[in-house]
Amino acid sequence: MHQQYSIYLFLPFIISFLAFIVSLISLWKNYFTKFNPLCTTGDLSFRIYPIKSGPEKWYLPSYIIAVSITNKGNAMPGKVLGLRIVLSFPKLSIPDNREIFYPKWEIDYNKFKQKAKYRFNWIDEAVINDWMPFVVLPKMTVTKHLIFESRWEEPVIQDEILIKLEMFLDSKKNWVEIERWKTSLTPHYWSELVNRGTSFRIPPVESIRQESHLSPPDLHKYTGTTEPIPKGVNFEPSCLDYSESPEKGT
């Protein structure tokens, strides 16, 4: 009986102590936890701009990517001090080879994609700012379209290229990988990129592969009708004639 009475006597103190511990944990989580962002990216777009100046010629490889960074913490803002793309060529016999691309500009992607082939046009019209570190406030998401560039003096032809996106945070003080892609640069791709001004998109290694939207592929052969379809009444043409549409930049 005495032992049971003692338990009831100390029960309020035990509850108060547990509440104090929970408050400390909540305080630490809300005000003192380090910036631990959640990052998402998409496809990596790649272009090559050939440049000539007198007898000199070189190439500007350009990677375009959208990055979304969410501060899932409650109170502490976070600083993104750096972003970079790191290329490596696994099939080279040179160990630990790598090439680093740093961000050059933040762009308005809608304006950029209209003039992407014409470098000097989109630099004038689509560039928002030169790259600079930025802050992500608590429970906020920052999305940026960034261009990473370097300079190649001669063609880079490789059957396998590994591309990593890394971020440098003030809370971690080191580079952290947030996404990776795999691709190749064959002579055919090189020619398309340089001579025709095309681009290609590279999906992330861990991205979900889209399945065929029809199964079987000729499904629509069996979903139609043998009966004539009523023409109805059209007051103006309803079809789109792409041959009459003005050509837009790629």
C-alpha atoms as a PDB file:
ATOM      1  CA  MET A   1       0.000   0.000   0.000  1.00  0.00           C
ATOM      2  CA  HIS A   2       2.844   2.364   0.898  1.00  0.00           C
ATOM      3  CA  GLN A   3       4.641   1.546  -2.369  1.00  0.00           C
ATOM      4  CA  GLN A   4       1.501   2.280  -4.416  1.00  0.00           C
ATOM      5  CA  TYR A   5       1.080   5.606  -2.598  1.00  0.00           C
ATOM      6  CA  SER A   6       4.684   6.546  -3.475  1.00  0.00           C
ATOM      7  CA  ILE A   7       4.051   5.918  -7.163  1.00  0.00           C
ATOM      8  CA  TYR A   8       1.037   8.249  -7.142  1.00  0.00           C
ATOM      9  CA  LEU A   9       3.091  10.838  -5.261  1.00  0.00           C
ATOM     10  CA  PHE A  10       5.817  10.935  -7.931  1.00  0.00           C
ATOM     11  CA  LEU A  11       3.498  10.570 -10.925  1.00  0.00           C
ATOM     12  CA  PRO A  12       3.013  14.363 -11.437  1.00  0.00           C
ATOM     13  CA  PHE A  13       6.786  14.842 -11.355  1.00  0.00           C
ATOM     14  CA  ILE A  14       7.270  12.098 -13.928  1.00  0.00           C
ATOM     15  CA  ILE A  15       4.635  13.637 -16.202  1.00  0.00           C
ATOM     16  CA  SER A  16       6.176  17.104 -15.790  1.00  0.00           C
ATOM     17  CA  PHE A  17       9.635  15.722 -16.584  1.00  0.00           C
ATOM     18  CA  LEU A  18       8.381  14.000 -19.730  1.00  0.00           C
ATOM     19  CA  ALA A  19       6.593  17.188 -20.816  1.00  0.00           C
ATOM     20  CA  PHE A  20       9.835  19.115 -20.266  1.00  0.00           C
ATOM     21  CA  ILE A  21      11.760  16.657 -22.460  1.00  0.00           C
ATOM     22  CA  VAL A  22       9.125  16.916 -25.205  1.00  0.00           C
ATOM     23  CA  SER A  23       9.317  20.721 -25.001  1.00  0.00           C
ATOM     24  CA  LEU A  24      13.100  20.622 -25.350  1.00  0.00           C
ATOM     25  CA  ILE A  25      12.849  18.356 -28.397  1.00  0.00           C
ATOM     26  CA  SER A  26      10.211  20.632 -29.951  1.00  0.00           C
ATOM     27  CA  LEU A  27      12.296  23.717 -29.190  1.00  0.00           C
ATOM     28  CA  TRP A  28      15.365  22.162 -30.788  1.00  0.00           C
ATOM     29  CA  LYS A  29      13.435  21.011 -33.829  1.00  0.00           C
ATOM     30  CA  ASN A  30      11.714  24.369 -34.353  1.00  0.00           C
ATOM     31  CA  TYR A  31      14.594  26.753 -33.679  1.00  0.00           C
ATOM     32  CA  PHE A  32      17.986  25.051 -33.716  1.00  0.00           C
ATOM     33  CA  THR A  33      17.964  22.213 -36.260  1.00  0.00           C
ATOM     34  CA  LYS A  34      20.312  22.680 -39.191  1.00  0.00           C
ATOM     35  CA  PHE A  35      19.054  23.370 -42.687  1.00  0.00           C
ATOM     36  CA  ASN A  36      18.237  20.008 -44.253  1.00  0.00           C
ATOM     37  CA  PRO A  37      16.600  20.710 -47.632  1.00  0.00           C
ATOM     38  CA  LEU A  38      14.498  18.522 -49.849  1.00  0.00           C
ATOM     39  CA  CYS A  39      15.645  18.885 -53.468  1.00  0.00           C
ATOM     40  CA  THR A  40      13.989  17.882 -56.730  1.00  0.00           C
ATOM     41  CA  THR A  41      15.147  18.243 -60.322  1.00  0.00           C
ATOM     42  CA  GLY A  42      13.990  17.085 -63.712  1.00  0.00           C
ATOM     43  CA  ASP A  43      15.494  16.362 -67.081  1.00  0.00           C
ATOM     44  CA  LEU A  44      18.818  17.952 -67.918  1.00  0.00           C
ATOM     45  CA  SER A  45      18.820  19.872 -71.218  1.00  0.00           C
ATOM     46  CA  PHE A  46      22.095  20.080 -73.131  1.00  0.00           C
ATOM     47  CA  ARG A  47      23.260  22.367 -75.931  1.00  0.00           C
ATOM     48  CA  ILE A  48      26.587  23.232 -77.544  1.00  0.00           C
ATOM     49  CA  TYR A  49      27.275  26.691 -78.951  1.00  0.00           C
ATOM     50  CA  PRO A  50      30.198  26.839 -81.438  1.00  0.00           C
ATOM     51  CA  ILE A  51      32.077  30.158 -81.201  1.00  0.00           C
ATOM     52  CA  LYS A  52      34.481  31.758 -83.687  1.00  0.00           C
ATOM     53  CA  SER A  53      36.734  34.760 -83.205  1.00  0.00           C
ATOM     54  CA  GLY A  54      39.085  35.323 -86.112  1.00  0.00           C
ATOM     55  CA  PRO A  55      41.093  32.132 -86.643  1.00  0.00           C
ATOM     56  CA  GLU A  56      40.106  30.794 -83.210  1.00  0.00           C
ATOM     57  CA  LYS A  57      37.226  28.394 -82.659  1.00  0.00           C
ATOM     58  CA  TRP A  58      35.916  26.813 -79.479  1.00  0.00           C
ATOM     59  CA  TYR A  59      32.698  25.393 -77.998  1.00  0.00           C
ATOM     60  CA  LEU A  60      30.477  26.396 -75.094  1.00  0.00           C
ATOM     61  CA  PRO A  61      28.713  23.342 -73.635  1.00  0.00           C
ATOM     62  CA  SER A  62      25.593  24.485 -71.826  1.00  0.00           C
ATOM     63  CA  TYR A  63      23.464  22.534 -69.327  1.00  0.00           C
ATOM     64  CA  ILE A  64      20.027  23.901 -68.462  1.00  0.00           C
ATOM     65  CA  ILE A  65      18.185  22.583 -65.421  1.00  0.00           C
ATOM     66  CA  ALA A  66      15.316  23.461 -63.077  1.00  0.00           C
ATOM     67  CA  VAL A  67      16.083  22.969 -59.376  1.00  0.00           C
ATOM     68  CA  SER A  68      13.482  23.126 -56.582  1.00  0.00           C
ATOM     69  CA  ILE A  69      14.756  23.346 -53.011  1.00  0.00           C
ATOM     70  CA  THR A  70      12.360  23.077 -50.062  1.00  0.00           C
ATOM     71  CA  ASN A  71      13.237  24.056 -46.497  1.00  0.00           C
ATOM     72  CA  LYS A  72      11.226  21.488 -44.569  1.00  0.00           C
ATOM     73  CA  GLY A  73      12.357  22.877 -41.195  1.00  0.00           C
ATOM     74  CA  ASN A  74      10.169  25.117 -39.075  1.00  0.00           C
ATOM     75  CA  ALA A  75      12.250  28.120 -38.106  1.00  0.00           C
ATOM     76  CA  MET A  76      15.791  28.235 -39.462  1.00  0.00           C
ATOM     77  CA  PRO A  77      16.412  29.711 -42.919  1.00  0.00           C
ATOM     78  CA  GLY A  78      19.031  27.966 -45.014  1.00  0.00           C
ATOM     79  CA  LYS A  79      21.705  29.269 -47.347  1.00  0.00           C
ATOM     80  CA  VAL A  80      22.541  27.557 -50.626  1.00  0.00           C
ATOM     81  CA  LEU A  81      26.103  28.764 -51.121  1.00  0.00           C
ATOM     82  CA  GLY A  82      26.842  26.846 -54.290  1.00  0.00           C
ATOM     83  CA  LEU A  83      25.590  24.526 -57.012  1.00  0.00           C
ATOM     84  CA  ARG A  84      27.727  22.734 -59.572  1.00  0.00           C
ATOM     85  CA  ILE A  85      27.577  20.034 -62.232  1.00  0.00           C
ATOM     86  CA  VAL A  86      30.389  17.479 -62.178  1.00  0.00           C
ATOM     87  CA  LEU A  87      31.131  15.450 -65.309  1.00  0.00           C
ATOM     88  CA  SER A  88      33.212  12.288 -65.298  1.00  0.00           C
ATOM     89  CA  PHE A  89      34.106   9.889 -68.103  1.00  0.00           C
ATOM     90  CA  PRO A  90      34.035   6.311 -66.745  1.00  0.00           C
ATOM     91  CA  LYS A  91      35.588   4.731 -69.834  1.00  0.00           C
ATOM     92  CA  LEU A  92      38.733   6.855 -69.727  1.00  0.00           C
ATOM     93  CA  SER A  93      41.849   5.217 -68.290  1.00  0.00           C
ATOM     94  CA  ILE A  94      42.482   8.354 -66.197  1.00  0.00           C
ATOM     95  CA  PRO A  95      41.404   7.660 -62.599  1.00  0.00           C
ATOM     96  CA  ASP A  96      39.199  10.168 -60.773  1.00  0.00           C
ATOM     97  CA  ASN A  97      38.792  12.327 -63.880  1.00  0.00           C
ATOM     98  CA  ARG A  98      36.225  15.093 -63.654  1.00  0.00           C
ATOM     99  CA  GLU A  99      35.166  18.422 -65.111  1.00  0.00           C
ATOM    100  CA  ILE A 100      33.190  21.000 -63.156  1.00  0.00           C
ATOM    101  CA  PHE A 101      30.527  23.323 -64.552  1.00  0.00           C
ATOM    102  CA  TYR A 102      29.442  26.206 -62.333  1.00  0.00           C
ATOM    103  CA  PRO A 103      26.139  28.081 -62.721  1.00  0.00           C
ATOM    104  CA  LYS A 104      26.407  31.206 -64.817  1.00  0.00           C
ATOM    105  CA  TRP A 105      22.882  32.602 -65.067  1.00  0.00           C
ATOM    106  CA  GLU A 106      19.368  32.294 -63.723  1.00  0.00           C
ATOM    107  CA  ILE A 107      16.920  32.477 -66.614  1.00  0.00           C
ATOM    108  CA  ASP A 108      13.251  32.904 -67.467  1.00  0.00           C
ATOM    109  CA  TYR A 109      12.783  29.504 -69.063  1.00  0.00           C
ATOM    110  CA  ASN A 110       9.693  30.441 -71.106  1.00  0.00           C
ATOM    111  CA  LYS A 111      11.650  33.207 -72.823  1.00  0.00           C
ATOM    112  CA  PHE A 112      14.754  31.056 -73.128  1.00  0.00           C
ATOM    113  CA  LYS A 113      13.105  28.152 -74.931  1.00  0.00           C
ATOM    114  CA  GLN A 114      11.749  30.480 -77.618  1.00  0.00           C
ATOM    115  CA  LYS A 115      15.240  31.679 -78.523  1.00  0.00           C
ATOM    116  CA  ALA A 116      17.423  28.849 -77.234  1.00  0.00           C
ATOM    117  CA  LYS A 117      19.193  28.333 -80.568  1.00  0.00           C
ATOM    118  CA  TYR A 118      20.145  32.010 -80.805  1.00  0.00           C
ATOM    119  CA  ARG A 119      22.550  32.590 -77.960  1.00  0.00           C
ATOM    120  CA  PHE A 120      22.906  36.373 -78.060  1.00  0.00           C
ATOM    121  CA  ASN A 121      19.124  36.822 -78.286  1.00  0.00           C
ATOM    122  CA  TRP A 122      18.275  34.797 -75.201  1.00  0.00           C
ATOM    123  CA  ILE A 123      21.141  36.343 -73.226  1.00  0.00           C
ATOM    124  CA  ASP A 124      19.499  39.720 -73.801  1.00  0.00           C
ATOM    125  CA  GLU A 125      15.909  38.601 -73.235  1.00  0.00           C
ATOM    126  CA  ALA A 126      15.872  35.568 -70.907  1.00  0.00           C
ATOM    127  CA  VAL A 127      18.657  36.130 -68.360  1.00  0.00           C
ATOM    128  CA  ILE A 128      17.230  37.263 -65.013  1.00  0.00           C
ATOM    129  CA  ASN A 129      20.411  37.469 -62.962  1.00  0.00           C
ATOM    130  CA  ASP A 130      23.961  36.317 -62.811  1.00  0.00           C
ATOM    131  CA  TRP A 131      24.292  33.343 -60.479  1.00  0.00           C
ATOM    132  CA  MET A 132      24.519  34.153 -56.783  1.00  0.00           C
ATOM    133  CA  PRO A 133      23.944  32.192 -53.538  1.00  0.00           C
ATOM    134  CA  PHE A 134      20.403  32.354 -52.168  1.00  0.00           C
ATOM    135  CA  VAL A 135      18.359  31.812 -48.994  1.00  0.00           C
ATOM    136  CA  VAL A 136      15.465  29.385 -48.527  1.00  0.00           C
ATOM    137  CA  LEU A 137      13.105  30.498 -45.763  1.00  0.00           C
ATOM    138  CA  PRO A 138      11.421  27.991 -43.414  1.00  0.00           C
ATOM    139  CA  LYS A 139       8.650  25.927 -45.002  1.00  0.00           C
ATOM    140  CA  MET A 140       9.283  27.636 -48.335  1.00  0.00           C
ATOM    141  CA  THR A 141      10.305  26.300 -51.768  1.00  0.00           C
ATOM    142  CA  VAL A 142      12.634  28.098 -54.147  1.00  0.00           C
ATOM    143  CA  THR A 143      12.659  27.050 -57.812  1.00  0.00           C
ATOM    144  CA  LYS A 144      15.317  28.287 -60.209  1.00  0.00           C
ATOM    145  CA  HIS A 145      16.126  27.595 -63.863  1.00  0.00           C
ATOM    146  CA  LEU A 146      19.891  27.719 -64.130  1.00  0.00           C
ATOM    147  CA  ILE A 147      22.459  27.532 -66.914  1.00  0.00           C
ATOM    148  CA  PHE A 148      25.798  25.837 -66.212  1.00  0.00           C
ATOM    149  CA  GLU A 149      28.572  26.427 -68.737  1.00  0.00           C
ATOM    150  CA  SER A 150      32.186  25.623 -69.446  1.00  0.00           C
ATOM    151  CA  ARG A 151      34.524  25.878 -72.458  1.00  0.00           C
ATOM    152  CA  TRP A 152      35.788  23.103 -74.698  1.00  0.00           C
ATOM    153  CA  GLU A 153      38.665  23.774 -77.047  1.00  0.00           C
ATOM    154  CA  GLU A 154      37.974  20.633 -79.077  1.00  0.00           C
ATOM    155  CA  PRO A 155      35.143  18.092 -79.469  1.00  0.00           C
ATOM    156  CA  VAL A 156      34.377  15.824 -76.528  1.00  0.00           C
ATOM    157  CA  ILE A 157      33.324  12.401 -77.820  1.00  0.00           C
ATOM    158  CA  GLN A 158      32.569   9.754 -75.190  1.00  0.00           C
ATOM    159  CA  ASP A 159      30.404   6.630 -75.093  1.00  0.00           C
ATOM    160  CA  GLU A 160      29.563   7.193 -71.439  1.00  0.00           C
ATOM    161  CA  ILE A 161      29.323  10.377 -69.403  1.00  0.00           C
ATOM    162  CA  LEU A 162      28.246  10.527 -65.756  1.00  0.00           C
ATOM    163  CA  ILE A 163      26.757  13.848 -64.659  1.00  0.00           C
ATOM    164  CA  LYS A 164      26.166  14.791 -61.023  1.00  0.00           C
ATOM    165  CA  LEU A 165      24.467  17.854 -59.567  1.00  0.00           C
ATOM    166  CA  GLU A 166      25.976  18.886 -56.238  1.00  0.00           C
ATOM    167  CA  MET A 167      24.965  21.522 -53.704  1.00  0.00           C
ATOM    168  CA  PHE A 168      27.000  23.325 -51.038  1.00  0.00           C
ATOM    169  CA  LEU A 169      25.041  24.286 -47.902  1.00  0.00           C
ATOM    170  CA  ASP A 170      26.060  26.545 -45.055  1.00  0.00           C
ATOM    171  CA  SER A 171      24.742  23.899 -42.643  1.00  0.00           C
ATOM    172  CA  LYS A 172      26.918  21.065 -43.988  1.00  0.00           C
ATOM    173  CA  LYS A 173      30.057  22.898 -45.227  1.00  0.00           C
ATOM    174  CA  ASN A 174      30.669  20.404 -48.023  1.00  0.00           C
ATOM    175  CA  TRP A 175      29.363  19.389 -51.441  1.00  0.00           C
ATOM    176  CA  VAL A 176      26.356  17.050 -51.372  1.00  0.00           C
ATOM    177  CA  GLU A 177      25.114  15.121 -54.422  1.00  0.00           C
ATOM    178  CA  ILE A 178      21.415  15.680 -55.127  1.00  0.00           C
ATOM    179  CA  GLU A 179      20.919  14.121 -58.581  1.00  0.00           C
ATOM    180  CA  ARG A 180      22.730  12.243 -61.334  1.00  0.00           C
ATOM    181  CA  TRP A 181      22.305  11.524 -65.024  1.00  0.00           C
ATOM    182  CA  LYS A 182      23.998   9.219 -67.544  1.00  0.00           C
ATOM    183  CA  THR A 183      24.459  10.005 -71.217  1.00  0.00           C
ATOM    184  CA  SER A 184      26.875   9.785 -74.147  1.00  0.00           C
ATOM    185  CA  LEU A 185      28.289  12.095 -76.787  1.00  0.00           C
ATOM    186  CA  THR A 186      28.731  10.190 -80.018  1.00  0.00           C
ATOM    187  CA  PRO A 187      29.999  11.777 -83.254  1.00  0.00           C
ATOM    188  CA  HIS A 188      26.395  11.780 -84.517  1.00  0.00           C
ATOM    189  CA  TYR A 189      25.110  13.624 -81.435  1.00  0.00           C
ATOM    190  CA  TRP A 190      28.007  16.066 -81.627  1.00  0.00           C
ATOM    191  CA  SER A 191      27.208  16.893 -85.246  1.00  0.00           C
ATOM    192  CA  GLU A 192      23.517  17.424 -84.464  1.00  0.00           C
ATOM    193  CA  LEU A 193      24.291  19.701 -81.521  1.00  0.00           C
ATOM    194  CA  VAL A 194      26.942  21.803 -83.239  1.00  0.00           C
ATOM    195  CA  ASN A 195      25.842  21.952 -86.862  1.00  0.00           C
ATOM    196  CA  ARG A 196      22.066  22.000 -86.486  1.00  0.00           C
ATOM    197  CA  GLY A 197      21.808  23.786 -83.154  1.00  0.00           C
ATOM    198  CA  THR A 198      19.613  21.092 -81.651  1.00  0.00           C
ATOM    199  CA  SER A 199      19.447  20.041 -78.010  1.00  0.00           C
ATOM    200  CA  PHE A 200      18.677  16.843 -76.165  1.00  0.00           C
ATOM    201  CA  ARG A 201      17.193  16.080 -72.793  1.00  0.00           C
ATOM    202  CA  ILE A 202      18.663  13.622 -70.314  1.00  0.00           C
ATOM    203  CA  PRO A 203      16.344  12.022 -67.702  1.00  0.00           C
ATOM    204  CA  PRO A 204      17.688  11.476 -64.176  1.00  0.00           C
ATOM    205  CA  VAL A 205      19.053   8.011 -63.428  1.00  0.00           C
ATOM    206  CA  GLU A 206      16.326   7.382 -60.842  1.00  0.00           C
ATOM    207  CA  SER A 207      13.459   8.844 -62.853  1.00  0.00           C
ATOM    208  CA  ILE A 208      10.289   6.859 -63.488  1.00  0.00           C
ATOM    209  CA  ARG A 209      10.270   5.507 -67.020  1.00  0.00           C
ATOM    210  CA  GLN A 210       7.017   6.228 -68.831  1.00  0.00           C
ATOM    211  CA  GLU A 211       5.241   3.161 -70.151  1.00  0.00           C
ATOM    212  CA  SER A 212       3.686   2.976 -73.577  1.00  0.00           C
ATOM    213  CA  HIS A 213       0.343   4.781 -73.480  1.00  0.00           C
ATOM    214  CA  LEU A 214      -1.308   2.096 -75.610  1.00  0.00           C
ATOM    215  CA  SER A 215      -1.438  -1.621 -75.019  1.00  0.00           C
ATOM    216  CA  PRO A 216      -1.561  -3.206 -77.510  1.00  0.00           C
ATOM    217  CA  PRO A 217       0.057  -0.549 -79.724  1.00  0.00           C
ATOM    218  CA  ASP A 218      -2.796  -0.801 -82.290  1.00  0.00           C
ATOM    219  CA  LEU A 219      -5.556  -0.546 -79.648  1.00  0.00           C
ATOM    220  CA  HIS A 220      -7.365   2.249 -81.472  1.00  0.00           C
ATOM    221  CA  LYS A 221      -7.942   0.010 -84.472  1.00  0.00           C
ATOM    222  CA  TYR A 222     -10.510  -1.812 -82.331  1.00  0.00           C
ATOM    223  CA  THR A 223     -12.150   1.124 -80.534  1.00  0.00           C
ATOM    224  CA  GLY A 224     -13.682   2.810 -83.576  1.00  0.00           C
ATOM    225  CA  THR A 225     -16.971   2.281 -85.350  1.00  0.00           C
ATOM    226  CA  THR A 226     -18.069   1.087 -88.775  1.00  0.00           C
ATOM    227  CA  GLU A 227     -20.998   3.528 -88.718  1.00  0.00           C
ATOM    228  CA  PRO A 228     -20.603   6.946 -90.379  1.00  0.00           C
ATOM    229  CA  ILE A 229     -19.964   9.788 -87.950  1.00  0.00           C
ATOM    230  CA  PRO A 230     -22.397  12.735 -88.279  1.00  0.00           C
ATOM    231  CA  LYS A 231     -20.750  15.834 -89.704  1.00  0.00           C
ATOM    232  CA  GLY A 232     -22.703  18.294 -87.601  1.00  0.00           C
ATOM    233  CA  VAL A 233     -22.727  22.031 -88.262  1.00  0.00           C
ATOM    234  CA  ASN A 234     -19.474  24.024 -88.370  1.00  0.00           C
ATOM    235  CA  PHE A 235     -19.648  27.798 -88.512  1.00  0.00           C
ATOM    236  CA  GLU A 236     -15.875  28.083 -88.963  1.00  0.00           C
ATOM    237  CA  PRO A 237     -13.013  25.659 -89.626  1.00  0.00           C
ATOM    238  CA  SER A 238     -12.198  23.683 -86.474  1.00  0.00           C
ATOM    239  CA  CYS A 239      -8.996  21.987 -87.625  1.00  0.00           C
ATOM    240  CA  LEU A 240      -5.541  23.404 -87.016  1.00  0.00           C
ATOM    241  CA  ASP A 241      -3.412  23.894 -90.103  1.00  0.00           C
ATOM    242  CA  TYR A 242       0.182  23.858 -88.874  1.00  0.00           C
ATOM    243  CA  SER A 243       1.460  24.788 -92.323  1.00  0.00           C
ATOM    244  CA  GLU A 244      -0.089  28.212 -91.817  1.00  0.00           C
ATOM    245  CA  SER A 245       1.280  28.796 -88.307  1.00  0.00           C
ATOM    246  CA  PRO A 246       4.294  31.104 -87.918  1.00  0.00           C
ATOM    247  CA  GLU A 247       7.530  29.295 -87.208  1.00  0.00           C
ATOM    248  CA  LYS A 248       8.742  29.712 -83.657  1.00  0.00           C
ATOM    249  CA  GLY A 249      12.247  29.442 -82.271  1.00  0.00           C
ATOM    250  CA  THR A 250      13.329  26.145 -80.737  1.00  0.00           C
END
